[in-house]
PDB file of all heavy atoms in Angstrom:
ATOM      1  N   ASP A   1      72.015 182.072  97.229  1.00  0.00           N
ATOM      2  CA  ASP A   1      72.860 181.310  98.154  1.00  0.00           C
ATOM      3  C   ASP A   1      74.290 181.793  98.197  1.00  0.00           C
ATOM      4  O   ASP A   1      75.238 180.989  98.437  1.00  0.00           O
ATOM      5  CB  ASP A   1      72.949 179.699  97.764  1.00  0.00           C
ATOM      6  CG  ASP A   1      71.483 179.134  97.718  1.00  0.00           C
ATOM      7  OD1 ASP A   1      70.673 179.523  98.578  1.00  0.00           O
ATOM      8  OD2 ASP A   1      71.175 178.478  96.773  1.00  0.00           O
ATOM      9  N   LEU A   2      74.512 183.011  97.976  1.00  0.00           N
ATOM     10  CA  LEU A   2      75.810 183.631  97.976  1.00  0.00           C
ATOM     11  C   LEU A   2      76.425 183.465  99.442  1.00  0.00           C
ATOM     12  O   LEU A   2      77.498 183.236  99.571  1.00  0.00           O
ATOM     13  CB  LEU A   2      75.764 185.046  97.540  1.00  0.00           C
ATOM     14  CG  LEU A   2      77.160 185.770  97.395  1.00  0.00           C
ATOM     15  CD1 LEU A   2      78.047 185.043  96.495  1.00  0.00           C
ATOM     16  CD2 LEU A   2      76.951 187.276  97.025  1.00  0.00           C
ATOM     17  N   LYS A   3      75.491 183.675 100.469  1.00  0.00           N
ATOM     18  CA  LYS A   3      75.984 183.626 101.827  1.00  0.00           C
ATOM     19  C   LYS A   3      75.647 182.184 102.382  1.00  0.00           C
ATOM     20  O   LYS A   3      74.642 181.581 102.081  1.00  0.00           O
ATOM     21  CB  LYS A   3      75.268 184.632 102.691  1.00  0.00           C
ATOM     22  CG  LYS A   3      75.568 186.091 102.371  1.00  0.00           C
ATOM     23  CD  LYS A   3      74.821 187.007 103.297  1.00  0.00           C
ATOM     24  CE  LYS A   3      75.175 188.442 102.925  1.00  0.00           C
ATOM     25  NZ  LYS A   3      74.418 189.414 103.854  1.00  0.00           N
ATOM     26  N   PRO A   4      76.737 181.568 103.033  1.00  0.00           N
ATOM     27  CA  PRO A   4      76.453 180.255 103.595  1.00  0.00           C
ATOM     28  C   PRO A   4      75.316 180.262 104.609  1.00  0.00           C
ATOM     29  O   PRO A   4      74.935 181.335 105.140  1.00  0.00           O
ATOM     30  CB  PRO A   4      77.740 179.973 104.302  1.00  0.00           C
ATOM     31  CG  PRO A   4      78.754 180.920 103.818  1.00  0.00           C
ATOM     32  CD  PRO A   4      77.969 182.205 103.425  1.00  0.00           C
ATOM     33  N   THR A   5      74.680 179.132 104.841  1.00  0.00           N
ATOM     34  CA  THR A   5      73.588 178.981 105.761  1.00  0.00           C
ATOM     35  C   THR A   5      74.118 179.344 107.183  1.00  0.00           C
ATOM     36  O   THR A   5      75.204 179.023 107.542  1.00  0.00           O
ATOM     37  CB  THR A   5      73.109 177.521 105.761  1.00  0.00           C
ATOM     38  OG1 THR A   5      72.658 177.188 104.448  1.00  0.00           O
ATOM     39  CG2 THR A   5      71.930 177.345 106.724  1.00  0.00           C
ATOM     40  N   ALA A   6      73.277 179.936 107.861  1.00  0.00           N
ATOM     41  CA  ALA A   6      73.632 180.440 109.266  1.00  0.00           C
ATOM     42  C   ALA A   6      74.159 179.223 110.135  1.00  0.00           C
ATOM     43  O   ALA A   6      73.471 178.144 110.022  1.00  0.00           O
ATOM     44  CB  ALA A   6      72.404 181.071 110.062  1.00  0.00           C
ATOM     45  N   GLY A   7      75.270 179.418 110.766  1.00  0.00           N
ATOM     46  CA  GLY A   7      75.892 178.371 111.565  1.00  0.00           C
ATOM     47  C   GLY A   7      76.809 177.451 110.853  1.00  0.00           C
ATOM     48  O   GLY A   7      77.452 176.628 111.469  1.00  0.00           O
ATOM     49  N   ILE A   8      76.961 177.633 109.567  1.00  0.00           N
ATOM     50  CA  ILE A   8      77.976 176.837 108.787  1.00  0.00           C
ATOM     51  C   ILE A   8      79.248 177.658 108.670  1.00  0.00           C
ATOM     52  O   ILE A   8      79.266 178.662 108.036  1.00  0.00           O
ATOM     53  CB  ILE A   8      77.401 176.426 107.386  1.00  0.00           C
ATOM     54  CG1 ILE A   8      76.105 175.710 107.502  1.00  0.00           C
ATOM     55  CG2 ILE A   8      78.473 175.733 106.613  1.00  0.00           C
ATOM     56  CD1 ILE A   8      76.303 174.331 108.290  1.00  0.00           C
ATOM     57  N   SER A   9      80.217 177.138 109.225  1.00  0.00           N
ATOM     58  CA  SER A   9      81.615 177.863 109.202  1.00  0.00           C
ATOM     59  C   SER A   9      82.280 177.596 107.840  1.00  0.00           C
ATOM     60  O   SER A   9      82.014 176.617 107.226  1.00  0.00           O
ATOM     61  CB  SER A   9      82.483 177.416 110.319  1.00  0.00           C
ATOM     62  OG  SER A   9      82.808 176.076 110.174  1.00  0.00           O
ATOM     63  N   PRO A  10      83.198 178.410 107.464  1.00  0.00           N
ATOM     64  CA  PRO A  10      83.998 178.109 106.225  1.00  0.00           C
ATOM     65  C   PRO A  10      84.680 176.738 106.273  1.00  0.00           C
ATOM     66  O   PRO A  10      84.832 176.086 105.310  1.00  0.00           O
ATOM     67  CB  PRO A  10      85.028 179.233 106.173  1.00  0.00           C
ATOM     68  CG  PRO A  10      84.397 180.411 106.866  1.00  0.00           C
ATOM     69  CD  PRO A  10      83.603 179.735 107.963  1.00  0.00           C
ATOM     70  N   GLU A  11      85.150 176.359 107.511  1.00  0.00           N
ATOM     71  CA  GLU A  11      85.895 175.126 107.664  1.00  0.00           C
ATOM     72  C   GLU A  11      84.888 173.896 107.464  1.00  0.00           C
ATOM     73  O   GLU A  11      85.225 172.937 106.759  1.00  0.00           O
ATOM     74  CB  GLU A  11      86.488 175.034 109.017  1.00  0.00           C
ATOM     75  CG  GLU A  11      87.649 175.946 109.342  1.00  0.00           C
ATOM     76  CD  GLU A  11      87.166 177.381 109.608  1.00  0.00           C
ATOM     77  OE1 GLU A  11      85.921 177.555 109.957  1.00  0.00           O
ATOM     78  OE2 GLU A  11      87.971 178.361 109.397  1.00  0.00           O
ATOM     79  N   HIS A  12      83.667 173.990 108.027  1.00  0.00           N
ATOM     80  CA  HIS A  12      82.635 173.039 107.827  1.00  0.00           C
ATOM     81  C   HIS A  12      82.248 172.880 106.300  1.00  0.00           C
ATOM     82  O   HIS A  12      82.149 171.788 105.762  1.00  0.00           O
ATOM     83  CB  HIS A  12      81.381 173.375 108.673  1.00  0.00           C
ATOM     84  CG  HIS A  12      80.450 172.229 108.678  1.00  0.00           C
ATOM     85  ND1 HIS A  12      79.268 172.319 109.419  1.00  0.00           N
ATOM     86  CD2 HIS A  12      80.368 171.051 108.168  1.00  0.00           C
ATOM     87  CE1 HIS A  12      78.533 171.234 109.266  1.00  0.00           C
ATOM     88  NE2 HIS A  12      79.142 170.373 108.479  1.00  0.00           N
ATOM     89  N   GLN A  13      82.132 174.077 105.612  1.00  0.00           N
ATOM     90  CA  GLN A  13      81.787 173.992 104.291  1.00  0.00           C
ATOM     91  C   GLN A  13      82.885 173.454 103.397  1.00  0.00           C
ATOM     92  O   GLN A  13      82.581 172.741 102.429  1.00  0.00           O
ATOM     93  CB  GLN A  13      81.505 175.542 103.849  1.00  0.00           C
ATOM     94  CG  GLN A  13      80.782 175.607 102.426  1.00  0.00           C
ATOM     95  CD  GLN A  13      80.461 177.067 102.193  1.00  0.00           C
ATOM     96  OE1 GLN A  13      80.750 177.912 102.883  1.00  0.00           O
ATOM     97  NE2 GLN A  13      79.696 177.222 101.056  1.00  0.00           N
ATOM     98  N   ARG A  14      84.116 173.699 103.742  1.00  0.00           N
ATOM     99  CA  ARG A  14      85.266 173.124 103.098  1.00  0.00           C
ATOM    100  C   ARG A  14      85.282 171.629 103.193  1.00  0.00           C
ATOM    101  O   ARG A  14      85.495 170.871 102.199  1.00  0.00           O
ATOM    102  CB  ARG A  14      86.568 173.741 103.704  1.00  0.00           C
ATOM    103  CG  ARG A  14      87.846 173.206 103.071  1.00  0.00           C
ATOM    104  CD  ARG A  14      88.143 173.656 101.636  1.00  0.00           C
ATOM    105  NE  ARG A  14      87.609 172.781 100.631  1.00  0.00           N
ATOM    106  CZ  ARG A  14      87.446 173.127  99.373  1.00  0.00           C
ATOM    107  NH1 ARG A  14      87.848 174.299  98.893  1.00  0.00           N
ATOM    108  NH2 ARG A  14      87.031 172.222  98.484  1.00  0.00           N
ATOM    109  N   GLU A  15      84.954 171.148 104.361  1.00  0.00           N
ATOM    110  CA  GLU A  15      84.829 169.609 104.568  1.00  0.00           C
ATOM    111  C   GLU A  15      83.760 168.998 103.730  1.00  0.00           C
ATOM    112  O   GLU A  15      83.922 167.949 103.144  1.00  0.00           O
ATOM    113  CB  GLU A  15      84.595 169.320 106.106  1.00  0.00           C
ATOM    114  CG  GLU A  15      85.801 169.623 106.913  1.00  0.00           C
ATOM    115  CD  GLU A  15      85.443 169.393 108.394  1.00  0.00           C
ATOM    116  OE1 GLU A  15      84.314 169.036 108.683  1.00  0.00           O
ATOM    117  OE2 GLU A  15      86.401 169.572 109.266  1.00  0.00           O
ATOM    118  N   ASN A  16      82.603 169.705 103.616  1.00  0.00           N
ATOM    119  CA  ASN A  16      81.496 169.263 102.774  1.00  0.00           C
ATOM    120  C   ASN A  16      81.905 169.215 101.322  1.00  0.00           C
ATOM    121  O   ASN A  16      81.518 168.255 100.625  1.00  0.00           O
ATOM    122  CB  ASN A  16      80.291 170.099 103.007  1.00  0.00           C
ATOM    123  CG  ASN A  16      79.566 169.951 104.360  1.00  0.00           C
ATOM    124  OD1 ASN A  16      79.788 168.966 104.901  1.00  0.00           O
ATOM    125  ND2 ASN A  16      78.774 170.910 104.698  1.00  0.00           N
ATOM    126  N   LEU A  17      82.576 170.237 100.903  1.00  0.00           N
ATOM    127  CA  LEU A  17      82.980 170.285  99.401  1.00  0.00           C
ATOM    128  C   LEU A  17      84.007 169.186  99.191  1.00  0.00           C
ATOM    129  O   LEU A  17      84.001 168.609  98.088  1.00  0.00           O
ATOM    130  CB  LEU A  17      83.590 171.634  99.119  1.00  0.00           C
ATOM    131  CG  LEU A  17      82.586 172.792  98.826  1.00  0.00           C
ATOM    132  CD1 LEU A  17      83.402 174.151  98.673  1.00  0.00           C
ATOM    133  CD2 LEU A  17      81.773 172.480  97.646  1.00  0.00           C
ATOM    134  N   ASN A  18      84.894 168.942 100.113  1.00  0.00           N
ATOM    135  CA  ASN A  18      85.840 167.802  99.924  1.00  0.00           C
ATOM    136  C   ASN A  18      85.161 166.483  99.725  1.00  0.00           C
ATOM    137  O   ASN A  18      85.552 165.673  98.839  1.00  0.00           O
ATOM    138  CB  ASN A  18      86.906 167.791 101.049  1.00  0.00           C
ATOM    139  CG  ASN A  18      87.811 169.030 101.135  1.00  0.00           C
ATOM    140  OD1 ASN A  18      88.025 169.691 100.098  1.00  0.00           O
ATOM    141  ND2 ASN A  18      88.444 169.237 102.242  1.00  0.00           N
ATOM    142  N   LEU A  19      84.216 166.226 100.632  1.00  0.00           N
ATOM    143  CA  LEU A  19      83.428 164.984 100.512  1.00  0.00           C
ATOM    144  C   LEU A  19      82.712 164.933  99.177  1.00  0.00           C
ATOM    145  O   LEU A  19      82.653 163.892  98.382  1.00  0.00           O
ATOM    146  CB  LEU A  19      82.464 164.868 101.628  1.00  0.00           C
ATOM    147  CG  LEU A  19      81.606 163.574 101.673  1.00  0.00           C
ATOM    148  CD1 LEU A  19      82.404 162.388 101.782  1.00  0.00           C
ATOM    149  CD2 LEU A  19      80.565 163.729 102.812  1.00  0.00           C
ATOM    150  N   LEU A  20      81.980 166.011  98.795  1.00  0.00           N
ATOM    151  CA  LEU A  20      81.309 166.028  97.474  1.00  0.00           C
ATOM    152  C   LEU A  20      82.194 165.854  96.314  1.00  0.00           C
ATOM    153  O   LEU A  20      81.852 165.117  95.391  1.00  0.00           O
ATOM    154  CB  LEU A  20      80.545 167.376  97.420  1.00  0.00           C
ATOM    155  CG  LEU A  20      79.662 167.627  96.178  1.00  0.00           C
ATOM    156  CD1 LEU A  20      78.536 166.466  96.166  1.00  0.00           C
ATOM    157  CD2 LEU A  20      79.010 169.021  96.186  1.00  0.00           C
ATOM    158  N   SER A  21      83.434 166.467  96.431  1.00  0.00           N
ATOM    159  CA  SER A  21      84.361 166.364  95.352  1.00  0.00           C
ATOM    160  C   SER A  21      84.804 164.900  95.185  1.00  0.00           C
ATOM    161  O   SER A  21      84.980 164.462  94.073  1.00  0.00           O
ATOM    162  CB  SER A  21      85.577 167.161  95.601  1.00  0.00           C
ATOM    163  OG  SER A  21      86.517 167.168  94.532  1.00  0.00           O
ATOM    164  N   ARG A  22      84.982 164.193  96.314  1.00  0.00           N
ATOM    165  CA  ARG A  22      85.382 162.732  96.165  1.00  0.00           C
ATOM    166  C   ARG A  22      84.324 161.921  95.477  1.00  0.00           C
ATOM    167  O   ARG A  22      84.565 161.076  94.649  1.00  0.00           O
ATOM    168  CB  ARG A  22      85.678 162.159  97.566  1.00  0.00           C
ATOM    169  CG  ARG A  22      86.971 162.661  98.130  1.00  0.00           C
ATOM    170  CD  ARG A  22      87.521 161.697  99.323  1.00  0.00           C
ATOM    171  NE  ARG A  22      86.584 161.726 100.448  1.00  0.00           N
ATOM    172  CZ  ARG A  22      86.621 162.549 101.445  1.00  0.00           C
ATOM    173  NH1 ARG A  22      87.561 163.546 101.443  1.00  0.00           N
ATOM    174  NH2 ARG A  22      85.739 162.589 102.381  1.00  0.00           N
ATOM    175  N   PHE A  23      83.053 162.200  95.850  1.00  0.00           N
ATOM    176  CA  PHE A  23      81.890 161.414  95.195  1.00  0.00           C
ATOM    177  C   PHE A  23      81.909 161.809  93.704  1.00  0.00           C
ATOM    178  O   PHE A  23      81.745 160.915  92.835  1.00  0.00           O
ATOM    179  CB  PHE A  23      80.639 161.802  95.851  1.00  0.00           C
ATOM    180  CG  PHE A  23      80.403 161.338  97.303  1.00  0.00           C
ATOM    181  CD1 PHE A  23      79.663 161.965  98.158  1.00  0.00           C
ATOM    182  CD2 PHE A  23      81.050 160.063  97.674  1.00  0.00           C
ATOM    183  CE1 PHE A  23      79.435 161.480  99.427  1.00  0.00           C
ATOM    184  CE2 PHE A  23      80.821 159.666  98.901  1.00  0.00           C
ATOM    185  CZ  PHE A  23      80.174 160.304  99.799  1.00  0.00           C
ATOM    186  N   ASN A  24      82.007 163.073  93.363  1.00  0.00           N
ATOM    187  CA  ASN A  24      81.965 163.493  91.974  1.00  0.00           C
ATOM    188  C   ASN A  24      83.059 162.947  91.168  1.00  0.00           C
ATOM    189  O   ASN A  24      82.940 162.589  90.017  1.00  0.00           O
ATOM    190  CB  ASN A  24      81.899 165.049  91.877  1.00  0.00           C
ATOM    191  CG  ASN A  24      80.554 165.693  92.167  1.00  0.00           C
ATOM    192  OD1 ASN A  24      79.550 164.942  91.901  1.00  0.00           O
ATOM    193  ND2 ASN A  24      80.520 166.763  92.619  1.00  0.00           N
ATOM    194  N   HIS A  25      84.264 162.880  91.739  1.00  0.00           N
ATOM    195  CA  HIS A  25      85.439 162.341  90.996  1.00  0.00           C
ATOM    196  C   HIS A  25      85.262 160.879  90.737  1.00  0.00           C
ATOM    197  O   HIS A  25      85.650 160.313  89.746  1.00  0.00           O
ATOM    198  CB  HIS A  25      86.729 162.599  91.742  1.00  0.00           C
ATOM    199  CG  HIS A  25      87.360 163.981  91.399  1.00  0.00           C
ATOM    200  ND1 HIS A  25      87.225 164.970  92.270  1.00  0.00           N
ATOM    201  CD2 HIS A  25      88.050 164.393  90.345  1.00  0.00           C
ATOM    202  CE1 HIS A  25      87.803 166.129  91.792  1.00  0.00           C
ATOM    203  NE2 HIS A  25      88.316 165.796  90.599  1.00  0.00           N
ATOM    204  N   ASP A  26      84.769 160.139  91.734  1.00  0.00           N
ATOM    205  CA  ASP A  26      84.393 158.705  91.539  1.00  0.00           C
ATOM    206  C   ASP A  26      83.454 158.545  90.436  1.00  0.00           C
ATOM    207  O   ASP A  26      83.595 157.619  89.547  1.00  0.00           O
ATOM    208  CB  ASP A  26      83.885 158.062  92.840  1.00  0.00           C
ATOM    209  CG  ASP A  26      84.863 157.914  93.946  1.00  0.00           C
ATOM    210  OD1 ASP A  26      86.081 158.037  93.689  1.00  0.00           O
ATOM    211  OD2 ASP A  26      84.517 157.827  95.166  1.00  0.00           O
ATOM    212  N   HIS A  27      82.370 159.346  90.402  1.00  0.00           N
ATOM    213  CA  HIS A  27      81.463 159.288  89.215  1.00  0.00           C
ATOM    214  C   HIS A  27      82.079 159.579  87.908  1.00  0.00           C
ATOM    215  O   HIS A  27      81.784 158.983  86.936  1.00  0.00           O
ATOM    216  CB  HIS A  27      80.229 160.351  89.623  1.00  0.00           C
ATOM    217  CG  HIS A  27      79.085 160.115  88.668  1.00  0.00           C
ATOM    218  ND1 HIS A  27      78.476 158.841  88.484  1.00  0.00           N
ATOM    219  CD2 HIS A  27      78.243 160.968  88.096  1.00  0.00           C
ATOM    220  CE1 HIS A  27      77.467 159.007  87.596  1.00  0.00           C
ATOM    221  NE2 HIS A  27      77.367 160.280  87.357  1.00  0.00           N
ATOM    222  N   LEU A  28      83.013 160.587  87.968  1.00  0.00           N
ATOM    223  CA  LEU A  28      83.636 160.993  86.696  1.00  0.00           C
ATOM    224  C   LEU A  28      84.489 159.887  86.177  1.00  0.00           C
ATOM    225  O   LEU A  28      84.609 159.737  84.973  1.00  0.00           O
ATOM    226  CB  LEU A  28      84.459 162.279  87.004  1.00  0.00           C
ATOM    227  CG  LEU A  28      85.219 162.901  85.800  1.00  0.00           C
ATOM    228  CD1 LEU A  28      84.240 163.291  84.684  1.00  0.00           C
ATOM    229  CD2 LEU A  28      86.113 164.119  86.241  1.00  0.00           C
ATOM    230  N   GLU A  29      85.185 159.103  87.033  1.00  0.00           N
ATOM    231  CA  GLU A  29      85.932 157.969  86.545  1.00  0.00           C
ATOM    232  C   GLU A  29      85.123 156.975  85.758  1.00  0.00           C
ATOM    233  O   GLU A  29      85.627 156.353  84.809  1.00  0.00           O
ATOM    234  CB  GLU A  29      86.716 157.294  87.610  1.00  0.00           C
ATOM    235  CG  GLU A  29      87.744 158.191  88.263  1.00  0.00           C
ATOM    236  CD  GLU A  29      88.524 157.460  89.410  1.00  0.00           C
ATOM    237  OE1 GLU A  29      88.162 156.249  89.731  1.00  0.00           O
ATOM    238  OE2 GLU A  29      89.411 158.033  89.991  1.00  0.00           O
ATOM    239  N   ASP A  30      83.825 156.774  86.124  1.00  0.00           N
ATOM    240  CA  ASP A  30      82.987 155.882  85.433  1.00  0.00           C
ATOM    241  C   ASP A  30      82.319 156.490  84.232  1.00  0.00           C
ATOM    242  O   ASP A  30      81.656 155.811  83.389  1.00  0.00           O
ATOM    243  CB  ASP A  30      81.895 155.283  86.411  1.00  0.00           C
ATOM    244  CG  ASP A  30      82.442 154.440  87.441  1.00  0.00           C
ATOM    245  OD1 ASP A  30      83.515 153.910  87.231  1.00  0.00           O
ATOM    246  OD2 ASP A  30      81.907 154.339  88.554  1.00  0.00           O
ATOM    247  N   HIS A  31      82.291 157.768  84.101  1.00  0.00           N
ATOM    248  CA  HIS A  31      81.703 158.512  82.966  1.00  0.00           C
ATOM    249  C   HIS A  31      82.633 159.561  82.398  1.00  0.00           C
ATOM    250  O   HIS A  31      82.353 160.727  82.456  1.00  0.00           O
ATOM    251  CB  HIS A  31      80.428 159.105  83.472  1.00  0.00           C
ATOM    252  CG  HIS A  31      79.432 158.191  84.088  1.00  0.00           C
ATOM    253  ND1 HIS A  31      79.516 157.769  85.366  1.00  0.00           N
ATOM    254  CD2 HIS A  31      78.286 157.568  83.569  1.00  0.00           C
ATOM    255  CE1 HIS A  31      78.505 156.945  85.640  1.00  0.00           C
ATOM    256  NE2 HIS A  31      77.808 156.782  84.581  1.00  0.00           N
ATOM    257  N   PRO A  32      83.795 159.097  81.861  1.00  0.00           N
ATOM    258  CA  PRO A  32      84.841 160.114  81.504  1.00  0.00           C
ATOM    259  C   PRO A  32      84.390 161.040  80.372  1.00  0.00           C
ATOM    260  O   PRO A  32      85.058 161.999  80.151  1.00  0.00           O
ATOM    261  CB  PRO A  32      85.995 159.228  81.163  1.00  0.00           C
ATOM    262  CG  PRO A  32      85.392 157.880  80.709  1.00  0.00           C
ATOM    263  CD  PRO A  32      84.138 157.700  81.656  1.00  0.00           C
ATOM    264  N   TRP A  33      83.395 160.562  79.522  1.00  0.00           N
ATOM    265  CA  TRP A  33      83.036 161.408  78.360  1.00  0.00           C
ATOM    266  C   TRP A  33      82.100 162.595  78.808  1.00  0.00           C
ATOM    267  O   TRP A  33      81.808 163.487  77.970  1.00  0.00           O
ATOM    268  CB  TRP A  33      82.316 160.577  77.374  1.00  0.00           C
ATOM    269  CG  TRP A  33      81.095 159.892  77.867  1.00  0.00           C
ATOM    270  CD1 TRP A  33      79.797 160.405  77.963  1.00  0.00           C
ATOM    271  CD2 TRP A  33      80.967 158.651  78.510  1.00  0.00           C
ATOM    272  NE1 TRP A  33      78.921 159.575  78.603  1.00  0.00           N
ATOM    273  CE2 TRP A  33      79.587 158.396  78.891  1.00  0.00           C
ATOM    274  CE3 TRP A  33      82.008 157.606  78.788  1.00  0.00           C
ATOM    275  CZ2 TRP A  33      79.204 157.209  79.541  1.00  0.00           C
ATOM    276  CZ3 TRP A  33      81.420 156.454  79.412  1.00  0.00           C
ATOM    277  CH2 TRP A  33      80.089 156.286  79.753  1.00  0.00           C
ATOM    278  N   GLN A  34      81.691 162.714  80.059  1.00  0.00           N
ATOM    279  CA  GLN A  34      80.713 163.765  80.457  1.00  0.00           C
ATOM    280  C   GLN A  34      81.461 164.871  81.000  1.00  0.00           C
ATOM    281  O   GLN A  34      81.831 164.978  82.129  1.00  0.00           O
ATOM    282  CB  GLN A  34      79.671 163.139  81.465  1.00  0.00           C
ATOM    283  CG  GLN A  34      78.721 162.154  80.819  1.00  0.00           C
ATOM    284  CD  GLN A  34      77.728 161.731  81.904  1.00  0.00           C
ATOM    285  OE1 GLN A  34      77.764 161.949  83.008  1.00  0.00           O
ATOM    286  NE2 GLN A  34      76.593 161.048  81.264  1.00  0.00           N
ATOM    287  N   ASP A  35      81.810 165.885  80.139  1.00  0.00           N
ATOM    288  CA  ASP A  35      82.554 167.065  80.522  1.00  0.00           C
ATOM    289  C   ASP A  35      81.853 167.944  81.616  1.00  0.00           C
ATOM    290  O   ASP A  35      82.523 168.556  82.383  1.00  0.00           O
ATOM    291  CB  ASP A  35      82.808 168.036  79.323  1.00  0.00           C
ATOM    292  CG  ASP A  35      83.686 167.357  78.280  1.00  0.00           C
ATOM    293  OD1 ASP A  35      84.458 166.406  78.685  1.00  0.00           O
ATOM    294  OD2 ASP A  35      83.814 167.826  77.188  1.00  0.00           O
ATOM    295  N   ASP A  36      80.525 167.785  81.622  1.00  0.00           N
ATOM    296  CA  ASP A  36      79.768 168.585  82.593  1.00  0.00           C
ATOM    297  C   ASP A  36      80.065 168.226  84.042  1.00  0.00           C
ATOM    298  O   ASP A  36      79.779 168.979  84.941  1.00  0.00           O
ATOM    299  CB  ASP A  36      78.293 168.556  82.268  1.00  0.00           C
ATOM    300  CG  ASP A  36      77.685 167.254  82.252  1.00  0.00           C
ATOM    301  OD1 ASP A  36      78.444 166.248  82.033  1.00  0.00           O
ATOM    302  OD2 ASP A  36      76.424 167.139  82.450  1.00  0.00           O
ATOM    303  N   LEU A  37      80.482 166.898  84.249  1.00  0.00           N
ATOM    304  CA  LEU A  37      80.784 166.506  85.583  1.00  0.00           C
ATOM    305  C   LEU A  37      82.020 167.288  86.127  1.00  0.00           C
ATOM    306  O   LEU A  37      82.025 167.704  87.229  1.00  0.00           O
ATOM    307  CB  LEU A  37      81.072 164.981  85.668  1.00  0.00           C
ATOM    308  CG  LEU A  37      79.816 164.097  85.359  1.00  0.00           C
ATOM    309  CD1 LEU A  37      80.288 162.628  85.313  1.00  0.00           C
ATOM    310  CD2 LEU A  37      78.759 164.354  86.442  1.00  0.00           C
ATOM    311  N   GLN A  38      83.039 167.363  85.317  1.00  0.00           N
ATOM    312  CA  GLN A  38      84.242 168.066  85.681  1.00  0.00           C
ATOM    313  C   GLN A  38      83.919 169.563  85.933  1.00  0.00           C
ATOM    314  O   GLN A  38      84.384 170.215  86.852  1.00  0.00           O
ATOM    315  CB  GLN A  38      85.244 167.953  84.677  1.00  0.00           C
ATOM    316  CG  GLN A  38      86.667 168.635  84.994  1.00  0.00           C
ATOM    317  CD  GLN A  38      87.273 168.000  86.221  1.00  0.00           C
ATOM    318  OE1 GLN A  38      87.245 166.860  86.438  1.00  0.00           O
ATOM    319  NE2 GLN A  38      87.830 168.900  87.104  1.00  0.00           N
ATOM    320  N   ALA A  39      83.000 170.214  85.047  1.00  0.00           N
ATOM    321  CA  ALA A  39      82.570 171.475  85.196  1.00  0.00           C
ATOM    322  C   ALA A  39      81.835 171.667  86.467  1.00  0.00           C
ATOM    323  O   ALA A  39      82.100 172.680  87.181  1.00  0.00           O
ATOM    324  CB  ALA A  39      81.805 171.930  84.021  1.00  0.00           C
ATOM    325  N   ARG A  40      81.052 170.684  86.848  1.00  0.00           N
ATOM    326  CA  ARG A  40      80.334 170.774  88.096  1.00  0.00           C
ATOM    327  C   ARG A  40      81.231 170.845  89.294  1.00  0.00           C
ATOM    328  O   ARG A  40      81.035 171.658  90.268  1.00  0.00           O
ATOM    329  CB  ARG A  40      79.361 169.596  88.229  1.00  0.00           C
ATOM    330  CG  ARG A  40      78.469 169.731  89.423  1.00  0.00           C
ATOM    331  CD  ARG A  40      77.592 168.434  89.519  1.00  0.00           C
ATOM    332  NE  ARG A  40      76.897 168.181  88.322  1.00  0.00           N
ATOM    333  CZ  ARG A  40      76.270 166.908  87.991  1.00  0.00           C
ATOM    334  NH1 ARG A  40      76.475 166.022  88.806  1.00  0.00           N
ATOM    335  NH2 ARG A  40      75.630 166.817  86.855  1.00  0.00           N
ATOM    336  N   ILE A  41      82.230 169.995  89.262  1.00  0.00           N
ATOM    337  CA  ILE A  41      83.219 169.943  90.407  1.00  0.00           C
ATOM    338  C   ILE A  41      83.869 171.366  90.510  1.00  0.00           C
ATOM    339  O   ILE A  41      84.025 171.919  91.622  1.00  0.00           O
ATOM    340  CB  ILE A  41      84.290 168.797  90.181  1.00  0.00           C
ATOM    341  CG1 ILE A  41      83.503 167.484  90.209  1.00  0.00           C
ATOM    342  CG2 ILE A  41      85.392 168.955  91.165  1.00  0.00           C
ATOM    343  CD1 ILE A  41      84.528 166.355  89.747  1.00  0.00           C
ATOM    344  N   GLU A  42      84.376 171.865  89.367  1.00  0.00           N
ATOM    345  CA  GLU A  42      85.055 173.053  89.499  1.00  0.00           C
ATOM    346  C   GLU A  42      84.164 174.287  89.776  1.00  0.00           C
ATOM    347  O   GLU A  42      84.554 175.303  90.468  1.00  0.00           O
ATOM    348  CB  GLU A  42      85.751 173.360  88.068  1.00  0.00           C
ATOM    349  CG  GLU A  42      86.928 172.363  87.842  1.00  0.00           C
ATOM    350  CD  GLU A  42      87.305 172.237  86.446  1.00  0.00           C
ATOM    351  OE1 GLU A  42      86.586 172.888  85.483  1.00  0.00           O
ATOM    352  OE2 GLU A  42      88.222 171.556  86.095  1.00  0.00           O
ATOM    353  N   ASN A  43      82.848 174.170  89.387  1.00  0.00           N
ATOM    354  CA  ASN A  43      81.894 175.293  89.746  1.00  0.00           C
ATOM    355  C   ASN A  43      81.636 175.315  91.230  1.00  0.00           C
ATOM    356  O   ASN A  43      81.462 176.340  91.757  1.00  0.00           O
ATOM    357  CB  ASN A  43      80.576 175.104  88.921  1.00  0.00           C
ATOM    358  CG  ASN A  43      80.790 175.501  87.544  1.00  0.00           C
ATOM    359  OD1 ASN A  43      81.632 176.293  87.198  1.00  0.00           O
ATOM    360  ND2 ASN A  43      79.852 175.148  86.696  1.00  0.00           N
ATOM    361  N   TYR A  44      81.626 174.090  91.827  1.00  0.00           N
ATOM    362  CA  TYR A  44      81.428 174.108  93.333  1.00  0.00           C
ATOM    363  C   TYR A  44      82.594 174.834  93.979  1.00  0.00           C
ATOM    364  O   TYR A  44      82.408 175.637  94.948  1.00  0.00           O
ATOM    365  CB  TYR A  44      81.410 172.686  93.849  1.00  0.00           C
ATOM    366  CG  TYR A  44      80.021 171.966  93.727  1.00  0.00           C
ATOM    367  CD1 TYR A  44      79.830 170.837  93.109  1.00  0.00           C
ATOM    368  CD2 TYR A  44      78.928 172.602  94.221  1.00  0.00           C
ATOM    369  CE1 TYR A  44      78.607 170.275  92.963  1.00  0.00           C
ATOM    370  CE2 TYR A  44      77.632 172.009  94.125  1.00  0.00           C
ATOM    371  CZ  TYR A  44      77.545 170.796  93.477  1.00  0.00           C
ATOM    372  OH  TYR A  44      76.251 170.217  93.374  1.00  0.00           O
TER     373      TYR A  44
END
């Protein structure tokens, strides 16, 4: 998955990541001891 799916622009992908990041940060606030959640956000 190194290359984005056909038809997905960098701008569209950036918006998707921003939305996913908000969901992940909300989850992280409820589970602050799970370091892998922060790692997942940064890995995206």
